[in-house]
PDB file of N, CA and C in Angstrom:
ATOM      1  N   UNK A   1     -29.591 -52.858  37.721  1.00  0.00           N
ATOM      2  CA  UNK A   1     -30.419 -51.771  37.052  1.00  0.00           C
ATOM      3  C   UNK A   1     -30.691 -51.879  35.765  1.00  0.00           C
ATOM      4  N   UNK A   2     -29.521 -52.405  35.145  1.00  0.00           N
ATOM      5  CA  UNK A   2     -29.783 -52.030  33.352  1.00  0.00           C
ATOM      6  C   UNK A   2     -30.667 -53.347  33.093  1.00  0.00           C
ATOM      7  N   UNK A   3     -30.482 -54.767  33.689  1.00  0.00           N
ATOM      8  CA  UNK A   3     -31.380 -55.645  33.761  1.00  0.00           C
ATOM      9  C   UNK A   3     -32.869 -55.444  33.843  1.00  0.00           C
ATOM     10  N   UNK A   4     -33.236 -54.632  34.838  1.00  0.00           N
ATOM     11  CA  UNK A   4     -34.529 -54.406  35.125  1.00  0.00           C
ATOM     12  C   UNK A   4     -35.264 -53.418  34.202  1.00  0.00           C
ATOM     13  N   UNK A   5     -34.407 -52.369  33.655  1.00  0.00           N
ATOM     14  CA  UNK A   5     -35.013 -51.512  32.559  1.00  0.00           C
ATOM     15  C   UNK A   5     -35.155 -52.411  31.220  1.00  0.00           C
ATOM     16  N   UNK A   6     -34.476 -53.122  30.846  1.00  0.00           N
ATOM     17  CA  UNK A   6     -34.339 -54.085  29.672  1.00  0.00           C
ATOM     18  C   UNK A   6     -35.400 -54.738  30.035  1.00  0.00           C
ATOM     19  N   UNK A   7     -35.668 -55.507  30.940  1.00  0.00           N
ATOM     20  CA  UNK A   7     -36.999 -56.349  31.402  1.00  0.00           C
ATOM     21  C   UNK A   7     -38.200 -55.581  30.991  1.00  0.00           C
ATOM     22  N   UNK A   8     -38.248 -54.444  31.788  1.00  0.00           N
ATOM     23  CA  UNK A   8     -39.457 -53.746  31.623  1.00  0.00           C
ATOM     24  C   UNK A   8     -39.762 -53.463  29.908  1.00  0.00           C
ATOM     25  N   UNK A   9     -38.735 -53.143  29.168  1.00  0.00           N
ATOM     26  CA  UNK A   9     -38.876 -52.460  27.918  1.00  0.00           C
ATOM     27  C   UNK A   9     -39.386 -53.926  27.198  1.00  0.00           C
ATOM     28  N   UNK A  10     -38.875 -54.928  27.249  1.00  0.00           N
ATOM     29  CA  UNK A  10     -38.991 -56.397  26.770  1.00  0.00           C
ATOM     30  C   UNK A  10     -40.535 -56.720  27.043  1.00  0.00           C
ATOM     31  N   UNK A  11     -40.896 -56.356  28.402  1.00  0.00           N
ATOM     32  CA  UNK A  11     -42.112 -56.439  28.643  1.00  0.00           C
ATOM     33  C   UNK A  11     -43.346 -55.891  27.852  1.00  0.00           C
ATOM     34  N   UNK A  12     -42.847 -54.340  27.964  1.00  0.00           N
ATOM     35  CA  UNK A  12     -43.717 -53.324  27.070  1.00  0.00           C
ATOM     36  C   UNK A  12     -43.924 -53.658  25.662  1.00  0.00           C
ATOM     37  N   UNK A  13     -43.012 -54.067  25.141  1.00  0.00           N
ATOM     38  CA  UNK A  13     -42.873 -54.380  23.648  1.00  0.00           C
ATOM     39  C   UNK A  13     -43.839 -55.631  23.479  1.00  0.00           C
ATOM     40  N   UNK A  14     -43.727 -56.912  24.034  1.00  0.00           N
ATOM     41  CA  UNK A  14     -44.515 -57.850  24.243  1.00  0.00           C
ATOM     42  C   UNK A  14     -45.878 -57.443  24.389  1.00  0.00           C
ATOM     43  N   UNK A  15     -46.171 -56.579  25.536  1.00  0.00           N
ATOM     44  CA  UNK A  15     -47.502 -56.226  25.620  1.00  0.00           C
ATOM     45  C   UNK A  15     -48.274 -55.544  24.623  1.00  0.00           C
ATOM     46  N   UNK A  16     -47.533 -54.570  23.752  1.00  0.00           N
ATOM     47  CA  UNK A  16     -47.800 -53.918  22.528  1.00  0.00           C
ATOM     48  C   UNK A  16     -48.224 -54.692  21.597  1.00  0.00           C
ATOM     49  N   UNK A  17     -47.397 -56.053  21.464  1.00  0.00           N
ATOM     50  CA  UNK A  17     -47.493 -56.955  20.459  1.00  0.00           C
ATOM     51  C   UNK A  17     -48.735 -57.780  20.588  1.00  0.00           C
ATOM     52  N   UNK A  18     -49.031 -58.332  21.561  1.00  0.00           N
ATOM     53  CA  UNK A  18     -49.966 -58.988  22.164  1.00  0.00           C
ATOM     54  C   UNK A  18     -51.232 -58.327  21.863  1.00  0.00           C
ATOM     55  N   UNK A  19     -51.431 -57.008  22.539  1.00  0.00           N
ATOM     56  CA  UNK A  19     -52.682 -56.090  22.232  1.00  0.00           C
ATOM     57  C   UNK A  19     -52.708 -55.905  20.799  1.00  0.00           C
ATOM     58  N   UNK A  20     -51.710 -55.489  19.998  1.00  0.00           N
ATOM     59  CA  UNK A  20     -51.594 -55.250  18.606  1.00  0.00           C
ATOM     60  C   UNK A  20     -52.361 -56.690  17.921  1.00  0.00           C
ATOM     61  N   UNK A  21     -51.958 -57.663  18.199  1.00  0.00           N
ATOM     62  CA  UNK A  21     -52.529 -58.811  17.835  1.00  0.00           C
ATOM     63  C   UNK A  21     -54.003 -59.193  17.795  1.00  0.00           C
ATOM     64  N   UNK A  22     -54.154 -59.217  18.905  1.00  0.00           N
ATOM     65  CA  UNK A  22     -55.691 -59.122  19.516  1.00  0.00           C
ATOM     66  C   UNK A  22     -56.776 -58.181  18.845  1.00  0.00           C
ATOM     67  N   UNK A  23     -56.099 -56.880  18.781  1.00  0.00           N
ATOM     68  CA  UNK A  23     -57.250 -55.985  17.815  1.00  0.00           C
ATOM     69  C   UNK A  23     -57.302 -55.997  16.512  1.00  0.00           C
ATOM     70  N   UNK A  24     -56.401 -56.683  15.797  1.00  0.00           N
ATOM     71  CA  UNK A  24     -56.123 -56.770  14.303  1.00  0.00           C
ATOM     72  C   UNK A  24     -56.232 -58.354  14.207  1.00  0.00           C
ATOM     73  N   UNK A  25     -57.330 -59.069  14.516  1.00  0.00           N
ATOM     74  CA  UNK A  25     -57.205 -60.390  14.100  1.00  0.00           C
ATOM     75  C   UNK A  25     -58.041 -60.526  12.822  1.00  0.00           C
ATOM     76  N   UNK A  26     -58.595 -59.719  12.023  1.00  0.00           N
ATOM     77  CA  UNK A  26     -59.325 -59.614  10.920  1.00  0.00           C
ATOM     78  C   UNK A  26     -58.069 -60.457   9.697  1.00  0.00           C
ATOM     79  N   UNK A  27     -58.907 -61.015   9.113  1.00  0.00           N
ATOM     80  CA  UNK A  27     -58.265 -61.433   7.612  1.00  0.00           C
ATOM     81  C   UNK A  27     -57.956 -60.751   6.470  1.00  0.00           C
ATOM     82  N   UNK A  28     -56.831 -60.791   6.001  1.00  0.00           N
ATOM     83  CA  UNK A  28     -56.400 -60.021   4.810  1.00  0.00           C
ATOM     84  C   UNK A  28     -56.228 -61.176   3.809  1.00  0.00           C
ATOM     85  N   UNK A  29     -56.711 -60.691   2.698  1.00  0.00           N
ATOM     86  CA  UNK A  29     -56.896 -61.766   1.382  1.00  0.00           C
ATOM     87  C   UNK A  29     -55.719 -60.905   0.364  1.00  0.00           C
ATOM     88  N   UNK A  30     -54.194 -61.574   0.039  1.00  0.00           N
ATOM     89  CA  UNK A  30     -53.742 -61.482  -0.833  1.00  0.00           C
ATOM     90  C   UNK A  30     -53.723 -61.892  -2.348  1.00  0.00           C
ATOM     91  N   UNK A  31     -54.045 -61.429  -3.318  1.00  0.00           N
ATOM     92  CA  UNK A  31     -53.858 -62.381  -4.663  1.00  0.00           C
ATOM     93  C   UNK A  31     -52.878 -61.867  -5.444  1.00  0.00           C
ATOM     94  N   UNK A  32     -52.165 -63.125  -5.771  1.00  0.00           N
ATOM     95  CA  UNK A  32     -50.936 -63.175  -6.530  1.00  0.00           C
ATOM     96  C   UNK A  32     -51.216 -63.582  -8.014  1.00  0.00           C
ATOM     97  N   UNK A  33     -50.522 -63.714  -8.931  1.00  0.00           N
ATOM     98  CA  UNK A  33     -50.595 -64.144 -10.481  1.00  0.00           C
ATOM     99  C   UNK A  33     -51.070 -65.599 -10.191  1.00  0.00           C
ATOM    100  N   UNK A  34     -51.660 -65.849 -11.665  1.00  0.00           N
ATOM    101  CA  UNK A  34     -52.181 -67.292 -11.641  1.00  0.00           C
ATOM    102  C   UNK A  34     -53.283 -67.699 -10.803  1.00  0.00           C
ATOM    103  N   UNK A  35     -53.742 -66.841 -10.132  1.00  0.00           N
ATOM    104  CA  UNK A  35     -55.238 -67.382  -9.306  1.00  0.00           C
ATOM    105  C   UNK A  35     -54.792 -67.810  -7.834  1.00  0.00           C
ATOM    106  N   UNK A  36     -53.480 -67.431  -7.365  1.00  0.00           N
ATOM    107  CA  UNK A  36     -53.067 -67.946  -6.320  1.00  0.00           C
ATOM    108  C   UNK A  36     -53.514 -66.777  -5.270  1.00  0.00           C
ATOM    109  N   UNK A  37     -53.958 -67.040  -4.379  1.00  0.00           N
ATOM    110  CA  UNK A  37     -54.390 -66.073  -3.168  1.00  0.00           C
ATOM    111  C   UNK A  37     -53.960 -66.747  -1.878  1.00  0.00           C
ATOM    112  N   UNK A  38     -53.939 -65.708  -0.914  1.00  0.00           N
ATOM    113  CA  UNK A  38     -53.429 -66.225   0.463  1.00  0.00           C
ATOM    114  C   UNK A  38     -54.108 -65.408   1.411  1.00  0.00           C
ATOM    115  N   UNK A  39     -54.504 -66.085   2.496  1.00  0.00           N
ATOM    116  CA  UNK A  39     -55.420 -65.432   3.258  1.00  0.00           C
ATOM    117  C   UNK A  39     -54.948 -65.375   4.694  1.00  0.00           C
ATOM    118  N   UNK A  40     -54.445 -64.360   5.595  1.00  0.00           N
ATOM    119  CA  UNK A  40     -53.772 -64.263   6.789  1.00  0.00           C
ATOM    120  C   UNK A  40     -54.353 -63.321   7.593  1.00  0.00           C
ATOM    121  N   UNK A  41     -53.872 -63.270   8.970  1.00  0.00           N
ATOM    122  CA  UNK A  41     -54.341 -62.072   9.828  1.00  0.00           C
ATOM    123  C   UNK A  41     -53.533 -60.914   9.442  1.00  0.00           C
ATOM    124  N   UNK A  42     -53.943 -59.519  10.012  1.00  0.00           N
ATOM    125  CA  UNK A  42     -53.576 -58.543   9.454  1.00  0.00           C
ATOM    126  C   UNK A  42     -52.023 -58.775  10.202  1.00  0.00           C
ATOM    127  N   UNK A  43     -51.961 -59.021  11.542  1.00  0.00           N
ATOM    128  CA  UNK A  43     -50.653 -58.998  12.147  1.00  0.00           C
ATOM    129  C   UNK A  43     -49.527 -59.773  11.344  1.00  0.00           C
ATOM    130  N   UNK A  44     -50.088 -61.042  10.518  1.00  0.00           N
ATOM    131  CA  UNK A  44     -48.711 -61.478  10.005  1.00  0.00           C
ATOM    132  C   UNK A  44     -48.199 -60.531   8.839  1.00  0.00           C
ATOM    133  N   UNK A  45     -49.121 -60.127   8.148  1.00  0.00           N
ATOM    134  CA  UNK A  45     -48.655 -58.808   7.110  1.00  0.00           C
ATOM    135  C   UNK A  45     -47.979 -57.655   7.877  1.00  0.00           C
ATOM    136  N   UNK A  46     -48.386 -57.116   8.785  1.00  0.00           N
ATOM    137  CA  UNK A  46     -47.610 -56.231   9.452  1.00  0.00           C
ATOM    138  C   UNK A  46     -46.011 -56.539   9.692  1.00  0.00           C
ATOM    139  N   UNK A  47     -46.116 -57.721  10.254  1.00  0.00           N
ATOM    140  CA  UNK A  47     -44.488 -58.590  10.877  1.00  0.00           C
ATOM    141  C   UNK A  47     -43.906 -58.783   9.396  1.00  0.00           C
ATOM    142  N   UNK A  48     -44.730 -59.228   8.509  1.00  0.00           N
ATOM    143  CA  UNK A  48     -43.770 -59.341   7.126  1.00  0.00           C
ATOM    144  C   UNK A  48     -43.340 -57.981   6.828  1.00  0.00           C
ATOM    145  N   UNK A  49     -44.086 -57.012   6.647  1.00  0.00           N
ATOM    146  CA  UNK A  49     -43.319 -55.749   6.566  1.00  0.00           C
ATOM    147  C   UNK A  49     -42.161 -55.077   7.614  1.00  0.00           C
ATOM    148  N   UNK A  50     -42.326 -55.466   8.561  1.00  0.00           N
ATOM    149  CA  UNK A  50     -41.479 -54.756   9.710  1.00  0.00           C
ATOM    150  C   UNK A  50     -39.975 -55.477   9.315  1.00  0.00           C
ATOM    151  N   UNK A  51     -40.071 -56.727   8.958  1.00  0.00           N
ATOM    152  CA  UNK A  51     -38.674 -57.379   8.749  1.00  0.00           C
ATOM    153  C   UNK A  51     -38.368 -56.953   7.236  1.00  0.00           C
ATOM    154  N   UNK A  52     -38.885 -57.120   6.337  1.00  0.00           N
ATOM    155  CA  UNK A  52     -38.918 -56.444   4.866  1.00  0.00           C
ATOM    156  C   UNK A  52     -38.273 -55.350   4.606  1.00  0.00           C
ATOM    157  N   UNK A  53     -38.640 -54.371   4.995  1.00  0.00           N
ATOM    158  CA  UNK A  53     -37.976 -52.981   4.791  1.00  0.00           C
ATOM    159  C   UNK A  53     -36.214 -52.917   5.429  1.00  0.00           C
ATOM    160  N   UNK A  54     -36.166 -53.463   6.590  1.00  0.00           N
ATOM    161  CA  UNK A  54     -34.728 -53.294   6.893  1.00  0.00           C
ATOM    162  C   UNK A  54     -33.997 -54.210   5.880  1.00  0.00           C
ATOM    163  N   UNK A  55     -34.211 -55.389   5.984  1.00  0.00           N
ATOM    164  CA  UNK A  55     -33.710 -56.275   4.679  1.00  0.00           C
ATOM    165  C   UNK A  55     -33.240 -55.446   3.581  1.00  0.00           C
ATOM    166  N   UNK A  56     -34.189 -55.135   3.034  1.00  0.00           N
ATOM    167  CA  UNK A  56     -34.252 -54.255   1.570  1.00  0.00           C
ATOM    168  C   UNK A  56     -33.423 -52.900   1.921  1.00  0.00           C
ATOM    169  N   UNK A  57     -33.225 -52.521   2.898  1.00  0.00           N
ATOM    170  CA  UNK A  57     -32.285 -51.284   2.874  1.00  0.00           C
ATOM    171  C   UNK A  57     -30.837 -51.994   3.311  1.00  0.00           C
ATOM    172  N   UNK A  58     -30.522 -53.260   3.656  1.00  0.00           N
ATOM    173  CA  UNK A  58     -29.362 -53.793   3.749  1.00  0.00           C
ATOM    174  C   UNK A  58     -29.137 -54.147   2.678  1.00  0.00           C
ATOM    175  N   UNK A  59     -29.601 -54.579   1.564  1.00  0.00           N
ATOM    176  CA  UNK A  59     -29.434 -55.046   0.408  1.00  0.00           C
ATOM    177  C   UNK A  59     -29.098 -54.000  -0.427  1.00  0.00           C
ATOM    178  N   UNK A  60     -29.926 -52.690  -0.223  1.00  0.00           N
ATOM    179  CA  UNK A  60     -29.496 -51.553  -1.040  1.00  0.00           C
ATOM    180  C   UNK A  60     -28.045 -51.061  -0.794  1.00  0.00           C
ATOM    181  N   UNK A  61     -27.370 -51.397   0.391  1.00  0.00           N
ATOM    182  CA  UNK A  61     -26.376 -50.769   0.876  1.00  0.00           C
ATOM    183  C   UNK A  61     -25.192 -51.490   0.708  1.00  0.00           C
ATOM    184  N   UNK A  62     -25.370 -52.869  -0.061  1.00  0.00           N
ATOM    185  CA  UNK A  62     -24.278 -53.749  -0.227  1.00  0.00           C
ATOM    186  C   UNK A  62     -23.537 -53.133  -1.308  1.00  0.00           C
ATOM    187  N   UNK A  63     -24.000 -52.372  -2.288  1.00  0.00           N
ATOM    188  CA  UNK A  63     -23.236 -51.897  -3.499  1.00  0.00           C
ATOM    189  C   UNK A  63     -22.157 -50.959  -2.730  1.00  0.00           C
ATOM    190  N   UNK A  64     -22.646 -50.173  -1.976  1.00  0.00           N
ATOM    191  CA  UNK A  64     -21.854 -49.031  -1.297  1.00  0.00           C
ATOM    192  C   UNK A  64     -20.823 -49.627  -0.683  1.00  0.00           C
ATOM    193  N   UNK A  65     -21.082 -50.459   0.126  1.00  0.00           N
ATOM    194  CA  UNK A  65     -20.190 -51.236   1.087  1.00  0.00           C
ATOM    195  C   UNK A  65     -19.102 -51.958   0.270  1.00  0.00           C
ATOM    196  N   UNK A  66     -19.420 -52.603  -0.864  1.00  0.00           N
ATOM    197  CA  UNK A  66     -18.420 -53.213  -1.666  1.00  0.00           C
ATOM    198  C   UNK A  66     -17.689 -52.231  -2.218  1.00  0.00           C
ATOM    199  N   UNK A  67     -18.155 -51.128  -2.560  1.00  0.00           N
ATOM    200  CA  UNK A  67     -17.350 -49.949  -3.236  1.00  0.00           C
ATOM    201  C   UNK A  67     -16.329 -49.353  -1.945  1.00  0.00           C
ATOM    202  N   UNK A  68     -17.008 -49.196  -0.953  1.00  0.00           N
ATOM    203  CA  UNK A  68     -16.006 -48.746  -0.027  1.00  0.00           C
ATOM    204  C   UNK A  68     -14.814 -49.516   0.449  1.00  0.00           C
ATOM    205  N   UNK A  69     -15.124 -50.974   0.377  1.00  0.00           N
ATOM    206  CA  UNK A  69     -14.229 -52.299   0.639  1.00  0.00           C
ATOM    207  C   UNK A  69     -13.162 -52.053  -0.578  1.00  0.00           C
ATOM    208  N   UNK A  70     -13.568 -51.984  -1.543  1.00  0.00           N
ATOM    209  CA  UNK A  70     -12.537 -51.927  -2.589  1.00  0.00           C
ATOM    210  C   UNK A  70     -11.566 -50.514  -2.575  1.00  0.00           C
ATOM    211  N   UNK A  71     -12.149 -49.608  -2.269  1.00  0.00           N
ATOM    212  CA  UNK A  71     -11.373 -48.213  -1.972  1.00  0.00           C
ATOM    213  C   UNK A  71     -10.287 -48.471  -0.772  1.00  0.00           C
ATOM    214  N   UNK A  72     -11.098 -49.156   0.330  1.00  0.00           N
ATOM    215  CA  UNK A  72      -9.913 -49.258   1.498  1.00  0.00           C
ATOM    216  C   UNK A  72      -9.120 -50.407   0.853  1.00  0.00           C
ATOM    217  N   UNK A  73      -8.931 -51.322   0.217  1.00  0.00           N
ATOM    218  CA  UNK A  73      -8.107 -52.019  -0.455  1.00  0.00           C
ATOM    219  C   UNK A  73      -7.067 -51.569  -0.959  1.00  0.00           C
ATOM    220  N   UNK A  74      -7.581 -50.488  -2.062  1.00  0.00           N
ATOM    221  CA  UNK A  74      -6.600 -49.853  -2.880  1.00  0.00           C
ATOM    222  C   UNK A  74      -5.798 -49.024  -1.875  1.00  0.00           C
ATOM    223  N   UNK A  75      -6.280 -48.040  -1.022  1.00  0.00           N
ATOM    224  CA  UNK A  75      -5.707 -47.093  -0.118  1.00  0.00           C
ATOM    225  C   UNK A  75      -4.740 -47.934   0.753  1.00  0.00           C
ATOM    226  N   UNK A  76      -5.036 -49.193   1.105  1.00  0.00           N
ATOM    227  CA  UNK A  76      -4.128 -50.080   1.997  1.00  0.00           C
ATOM    228  C   UNK A  76      -2.879 -50.221   1.411  1.00  0.00           C
ATOM    229  N   UNK A  77      -3.122 -50.690  -0.423  1.00  0.00           N
ATOM    230  CA  UNK A  77      -1.897 -50.932  -1.109  1.00  0.00           C
ATOM    231  C   UNK A  77      -0.998 -49.829  -1.271  1.00  0.00           C
ATOM    232  N   UNK A  78      -1.510 -48.675  -1.564  1.00  0.00           N
ATOM    233  CA  UNK A  78      -0.793 -47.360  -1.760  1.00  0.00           C
ATOM    234  C   UNK A  78      -0.094 -47.009  -0.556  1.00  0.00           C
ATOM    235  N   UNK A  79      -0.678 -47.037   0.777  1.00  0.00           N
ATOM    236  CA  UNK A  79       0.311 -46.860   1.867  1.00  0.00           C
ATOM    237  C   UNK A  79       1.266 -47.773   2.026  1.00  0.00           C
ATOM    238  N   UNK A  80       1.097 -49.178   1.688  1.00  0.00           N
ATOM    239  CA  UNK A  80       2.240 -50.170   1.884  1.00  0.00           C
ATOM    240  C   UNK A  80       3.308 -49.572   0.720  1.00  0.00           C
ATOM    241  N   UNK A  81       3.148 -49.304  -0.381  1.00  0.00           N
ATOM    242  CA  UNK A  81       4.035 -48.694  -1.321  1.00  0.00           C
ATOM    243  C   UNK A  81       4.675 -47.442  -0.551  1.00  0.00           C
ATOM    244  N   UNK A  82       3.969 -46.624  -0.100  1.00  0.00           N
ATOM    245  CA  UNK A  82       4.420 -45.146   0.299  1.00  0.00           C
ATOM    246  C   UNK A  82       5.624 -45.468   1.845  1.00  0.00           C
ATOM    247  N   UNK A  83       5.204 -46.212   2.227  1.00  0.00           N
ATOM    248  CA  UNK A  83       6.023 -46.865   3.664  1.00  0.00           C
ATOM    249  C   UNK A  83       7.082 -47.703   2.986  1.00  0.00           C
ATOM    250  N   UNK A  84       6.988 -48.454   1.819  1.00  0.00           N
ATOM    251  CA  UNK A  84       8.447 -48.869   1.644  1.00  0.00           C
ATOM    252  C   UNK A  84       9.252 -47.955   0.864  1.00  0.00           C
ATOM    253  N   UNK A  85       8.555 -47.023   0.116  1.00  0.00           N
ATOM    254  CA  UNK A  85       9.346 -45.930  -0.309  1.00  0.00           C
ATOM    255  C   UNK A  85      10.043 -45.084   0.906  1.00  0.00           C
ATOM    256  N   UNK A  86       9.497 -44.835   1.762  1.00  0.00           N
ATOM    257  CA  UNK A  86       9.969 -44.270   2.744  1.00  0.00           C
ATOM    258  C   UNK A  86      10.992 -44.926   3.640  1.00  0.00           C
ATOM    259  N   UNK A  87      11.158 -46.141   3.768  1.00  0.00           N
ATOM    260  CA  UNK A  87      12.223 -46.687   4.246  1.00  0.00           C
ATOM    261  C   UNK A  87      13.248 -47.011   3.266  1.00  0.00           C
ATOM    262  N   UNK A  88      12.984 -47.121   1.852  1.00  0.00           N
ATOM    263  CA  UNK A  88      14.044 -47.097   0.894  1.00  0.00           C
ATOM    264  C   UNK A  88      14.806 -45.714   0.981  1.00  0.00           C
ATOM    265  N   UNK A  89      14.129 -44.612   1.585  1.00  0.00           N
ATOM    266  CA  UNK A  89      14.897 -43.310   1.388  1.00  0.00           C
ATOM    267  C   UNK A  89      15.786 -43.178   2.865  1.00  0.00           C
ATOM    268  N   UNK A  90      15.260 -43.908   3.563  1.00  0.00           N
ATOM    269  CA  UNK A  90      15.891 -43.694   5.243  1.00  0.00           C
ATOM    270  C   UNK A  90      16.959 -44.741   5.144  1.00  0.00           C
ATOM    271  N   UNK A  91      17.103 -45.559   4.303  1.00  0.00           N
ATOM    272  CA  UNK A  91      18.235 -46.735   4.390  1.00  0.00           C
ATOM    273  C   UNK A  91      19.354 -45.863   3.342  1.00  0.00           C
ATOM    274  N   UNK A  92      18.974 -45.090   2.721  1.00  0.00           N
ATOM    275  CA  UNK A  92      20.157 -44.238   1.770  1.00  0.00           C
ATOM    276  C   UNK A  92      21.322 -43.292   2.680  1.00  0.00           C
ATOM    277  N   UNK A  93      22.368 -43.799   2.396  1.00  0.00           N
ATOM    278  CA  UNK A  93      23.364 -43.192   3.516  1.00  0.00           C
ATOM    279  C   UNK A  93      23.182 -41.536   3.048  1.00  0.00           C
ATOM    280  N   UNK A  94      23.677 -40.788   4.253  1.00  0.00           N
ATOM    281  CA  UNK A  94      23.574 -39.327   3.988  1.00  0.00           C
ATOM    282  C   UNK A  94      24.914 -38.779   3.651  1.00  0.00           C
ATOM    283  N   UNK A  95      25.052 -37.826   2.749  1.00  0.00           N
ATOM    284  CA  UNK A  95      25.958 -37.338   2.181  1.00  0.00           C
ATOM    285  C   UNK A  95      26.016 -35.803   2.809  1.00  0.00           C
ATOM    286  N   UNK A  96      27.598 -35.686   2.976  1.00  0.00           N
ATOM    287  CA  UNK A  96      27.462 -34.064   3.380  1.00  0.00           C
ATOM    288  C   UNK A  96      27.732 -33.241   2.088  1.00  0.00           C
ATOM    289  N   UNK A  97      27.128 -32.086   2.317  1.00  0.00           N
ATOM    290  CA  UNK A  97      27.249 -31.277   1.208  1.00  0.00           C
ATOM    291  C   UNK A  97      28.255 -29.939   1.659  1.00  0.00           C
ATOM    292  N   UNK A  98      29.117 -29.659   0.655  1.00  0.00           N
ATOM    293  CA  UNK A  98      30.400 -29.017   1.228  1.00  0.00           C
ATOM    294  C   UNK A  98      29.844 -27.587   1.041  1.00  0.00           C
TER     295      UNK A  98
END
């Protein structure tokens, strides 16, 4: 059942993509520096933007992920030290208090 639903969704997305491509076949000209220009159909630019923004978001989150990994390593190091301290305290002999 799951495969049928996924198959229908894939076909629907493909159908939308094909109809979008056929309806937006006009050319768009992009002008760059030094007289360089590029002319492509609208759908190429739409697909370019569709993958560019998630990639930009991923790159923006890398700094936060690096900071969190560094904090995780620090907390693990502190945890190992505390576990060692607890083990050392458990190894001490118990003294009777009069």
